């Protein structure tokens, strides 16, 4: 297991060095989007319209944060189950998205898209939304405000703690029950 400090936007070189089981501390801008926001993004693409953020090099966090308490940029910001975005993720990877962040397994088509387009799936610790929010230093709704907590936010993160679950080489941490066999000590 290796440890990396990476900055967004992510590059092919950033992604290629990562292996399932690696720890990443991510700094820069990431975007929140869950089911409803993903559908709206795909509808924009189908209509030939611009997206509210640049996909190339992007990282999308599957989160619907709670309201921000006074003096904080965001409330609890724990990951949501990722497979609900699997019908959208391959297309977004083909258009330049480099990373998704969530919890749970991904389907075969999404894992293949990560290999084909040099992408990665990061796991964020479920049940630790309040702790994860400490790494989010800014949060601004940039699209689909009508979706409330599922609106797309641009979030500035500093040393956001992540674990590589699926890498661009076909590695999958969840597929190996013996962590030592996966190279994680």
Protein backbone atom coordinates (compact mmCIF):
# COMPACT_ATOMS: atom_id res chain seq x y z
CA UNK A 1 0.00 0.00 0.00
CA UNK A 2 1.35 3.40 -0.99
CA UNK A 3 0.26 6.85 0.10
CA UNK A 4 -0.18 9.80 -2.28
CA UNK A 5 -1.02 13.48 -2.05
CA UNK A 6 -2.80 14.46 -5.27
CA UNK A 7 -4.32 17.67 -6.57
CA UNK A 8 -7.24 18.20 -8.90
CA UNK A 9 -7.66 18.28 -11.80
CA UNK A 10 -6.34 14.73 -11.97
CA UNK A 11 -4.17 13.60 -14.87
CA UNK A 12 -3.62 10.24 -16.56
CA UNK A 13 -0.22 10.09 -14.82
CA UNK A 14 -1.87 10.62 -11.41
CA UNK A 15 -4.32 7.79 -12.07
CA UNK A 16 -1.84 5.34 -13.61
CA UNK A 17 0.36 5.28 -10.50
CA UNK A 18 -2.51 4.25 -8.20
CA UNK A 19 -3.23 0.66 -7.16
CA UNK A 20 -6.17 -0.79 -5.24
CA UNK A 21 -5.43 -0.37 -1.54
CA UNK A 22 -3.45 2.86 -1.88
CA UNK A 23 -4.34 5.82 0.33
CA UNK A 24 -4.85 9.22 -1.30
CA UNK A 25 -5.15 12.65 0.30
CA UNK A 26 -6.90 14.78 -2.32
CA UNK A 27 -6.65 18.57 -2.48
CA UNK A 28 -8.39 20.93 -4.89
CA UNK A 29 -11.93 21.11 -6.27
CA UNK A 30 -14.32 18.16 -6.43
CA UNK A 31 -18.00 18.10 -7.40
CA UNK A 32 -20.93 16.57 -5.58
CA UNK A 33 -23.56 14.69 -7.56
CA UNK A 34 -26.00 11.92 -6.74
CA UNK A 35 -28.70 10.13 -8.77
CA UNK A 36 -30.91 13.07 -9.73
CA UNK A 37 -27.96 15.31 -10.60
CA UNK A 38 -26.38 12.57 -12.72
CA UNK A 39 -29.61 12.22 -14.70
CA UNK A 40 -29.64 15.98 -15.31
CA UNK A 41 -25.98 15.90 -16.43
CA UNK A 42 -26.74 13.13 -18.94
CA UNK A 43 -29.83 15.04 -20.16
CA UNK A 44 -27.60 18.09 -20.78
CA UNK A 45 -25.12 15.95 -22.71
CA UNK A 46 -27.93 14.36 -24.76
CA UNK A 47 -29.21 17.85 -25.60
CA UNK A 48 -25.73 18.98 -26.69
CA UNK A 49 -25.52 21.55 -23.88
CA UNK A 50 -22.58 22.46 -21.66
CA UNK A 51 -22.19 20.92 -18.25
CA UNK A 52 -21.95 23.15 -15.15
CA UNK A 53 -18.34 22.09 -14.61
CA UNK A 54 -15.47 20.76 -16.69
CA UNK A 55 -15.42 16.94 -16.73
CA UNK A 56 -11.79 16.61 -17.85
CA UNK A 57 -9.70 15.66 -14.83
CA UNK A 58 -12.68 15.90 -12.48
CA UNK A 59 -13.58 13.95 -9.37
CA UNK A 60 -17.25 13.50 -8.51
CA UNK A 61 -18.21 12.80 -4.90
CA UNK A 62 -21.46 10.89 -4.43
CA UNK A 63 -22.74 12.91 -1.48
CA UNK A 64 -25.85 14.78 -0.35
CA UNK A 65 -24.49 16.80 2.57
CA UNK A 66 -26.51 17.98 5.52
CA UNK A 67 -27.04 21.73 6.03
CA UNK A 68 -23.98 23.68 7.09
CA UNK A 69 -23.85 24.63 10.76
CA UNK A 70 -22.98 28.28 11.54
CA UNK A 71 -19.41 29.11 10.56
CA UNK A 72 -18.89 25.93 8.49
CA UNK A 73 -18.91 25.57 4.68
CA UNK A 74 -20.87 22.28 4.81
CA UNK A 75 -22.58 19.88 7.18
CA UNK A 76 -21.90 16.17 7.48
CA UNK A 77 -20.70 14.93 4.08
CA UNK A 78 -20.57 11.14 4.07
CA UNK A 79 -20.56 9.09 0.86
CA UNK A 80 -23.65 7.52 -0.66
CA UNK A 81 -23.88 4.10 -2.30
CA UNK A 82 -22.09 4.29 -5.64
CA UNK A 83 -23.81 1.58 -7.70
CA UNK A 84 -26.78 3.94 -8.16
CA UNK A 85 -24.54 6.04 -10.45
CA UNK A 86 -23.19 3.07 -12.44
CA UNK A 87 -25.56 3.63 -15.36
CA UNK A 88 -24.04 7.11 -15.82
CA UNK A 89 -20.38 6.66 -14.82
CA UNK A 90 -19.03 4.97 -17.98
CA UNK A 91 -20.17 7.86 -20.17
CA UNK A 92 -18.72 10.44 -17.79
CA UNK A 93 -15.40 8.55 -17.73
CA UNK A 94 -15.39 8.51 -21.54
CA UNK A 95 -15.71 12.31 -21.48
CA UNK A 96 -12.81 12.90 -19.09
CA UNK A 97 -13.99 12.30 -15.52
CA UNK A 98 -11.01 10.76 -13.72
CA UNK A 99 -12.42 9.77 -10.34
CA UNK A 100 -15.57 9.01 -8.45
CA UNK A 101 -15.86 8.90 -4.68
CA UNK A 102 -18.42 6.89 -2.75
CA UNK A 103 -18.99 3.61 -0.96
CA UNK A 104 -19.75 0.09 -2.11
CA UNK A 105 -18.97 -1.99 -5.19
CA UNK A 106 -19.14 -0.83 -8.83
CA UNK A 107 -20.55 -2.84 -11.72
CA UNK A 108 -18.47 -4.48 -14.46
CA UNK A 109 -19.23 -1.79 -17.08
CA UNK A 110 -18.04 0.97 -14.73
CA UNK A 111 -14.89 -0.94 -13.79
CA UNK A 112 -14.13 -1.50 -17.49
CA UNK A 113 -14.63 2.22 -18.23
CA UNK A 114 -12.05 3.02 -15.55
CA UNK A 115 -9.56 0.80 -17.36
CA UNK A 116 -10.46 2.08 -20.84
CA UNK A 117 -10.35 5.78 -19.90
CA UNK A 118 -7.81 5.81 -17.02
CA UNK A 119 -10.14 6.37 -14.12
CA UNK A 120 -10.27 5.39 -10.48
CA UNK A 121 -12.89 4.79 -7.82
CA UNK A 122 -12.10 6.06 -4.36
CA UNK A 123 -13.83 4.83 -1.23
CA UNK A 124 -14.62 7.38 1.44
CA UNK A 125 -15.39 6.15 4.93
CA UNK A 126 -19.12 5.62 5.34
CA UNK A 127 -20.55 6.75 8.70
CA UNK A 128 -17.86 9.42 9.07
CA UNK A 129 -19.62 12.33 7.35
CA UNK A 130 -18.90 14.81 10.14
CA UNK A 131 -15.21 13.86 10.11
CA UNK A 132 -14.97 14.02 6.30
CA UNK A 133 -16.56 17.48 6.30
CA UNK A 134 -13.46 18.76 8.13
CA UNK A 135 -11.52 18.34 4.86
CA UNK A 136 -14.06 20.42 2.90
CA UNK A 137 -12.97 24.05 3.19
CA UNK A 138 -15.42 25.63 0.70
CA UNK A 139 -18.76 24.55 -0.77
CA UNK A 140 -20.84 26.37 -3.37
CA UNK A 141 -23.95 25.15 -5.20
CA UNK A 142 -23.20 25.53 -8.93
CA UNK A 143 -26.15 23.74 -10.55
CA UNK A 144 -29.59 22.25 -9.96
CA UNK A 145 -30.32 24.18 -6.75
CA UNK A 146 -33.87 22.78 -6.89
CA UNK A 147 -32.45 19.39 -5.89
CA UNK A 148 -31.62 20.64 -2.39
CA UNK A 149 -28.97 18.41 -0.82
CA UNK A 150 -28.54 16.65 -4.19
CA UNK A 151 -27.66 19.89 -6.03
CA UNK A 152 -24.24 19.94 -7.66
CA UNK A 153 -21.69 21.64 -5.46
CA UNK A 154 -18.16 22.69 -6.18
CA UNK A 155 -16.25 21.80 -3.04
CA UNK A 156 -12.71 22.82 -2.23
CA UNK A 157 -11.03 20.03 -0.28
CA UNK A 158 -7.73 19.84 1.54
CA UNK A 159 -6.18 16.43 2.23
CA UNK A 160 -9.52 14.66 1.74
CA UNK A 161 -8.79 11.06 2.91
CA UNK A 162 -9.58 8.35 0.33
CA UNK A 163 -8.82 4.70 -0.35
CA UNK A 164 -8.35 3.37 -3.89
CA UNK A 165 -11.00 0.67 -4.37
CA UNK A 166 -10.84 0.21 -8.17
CA UNK A 167 -7.76 1.27 -10.12
CA UNK A 168 -7.18 1.87 -13.84
CA UNK A 169 -5.42 -1.50 -14.13
CA UNK A 170 -8.39 -3.66 -13.15
CA UNK A 171 -7.41 -3.97 -9.51
CA UNK A 172 -10.24 -4.10 -7.00
CA UNK A 173 -9.78 -3.99 -3.26
CA UNK A 174 -13.22 -5.47 -2.54
CA UNK A 175 -12.51 -8.53 -4.69
CA UNK A 176 -9.67 -9.68 -2.44
CA UNK A 177 -10.80 -10.77 1.03
CA UNK A 178 -7.19 -11.25 2.17
CA UNK A 179 -5.76 -7.72 2.39
CA UNK A 180 -2.20 -9.00 2.77
CA UNK A 181 -2.58 -10.82 -0.56
CA UNK A 182 -3.66 -7.50 -2.08
CA UNK A 183 -0.45 -5.87 -0.89
CA UNK A 184 -2.12 -4.02 2.01
CA UNK A 185 -0.32 -4.44 5.33
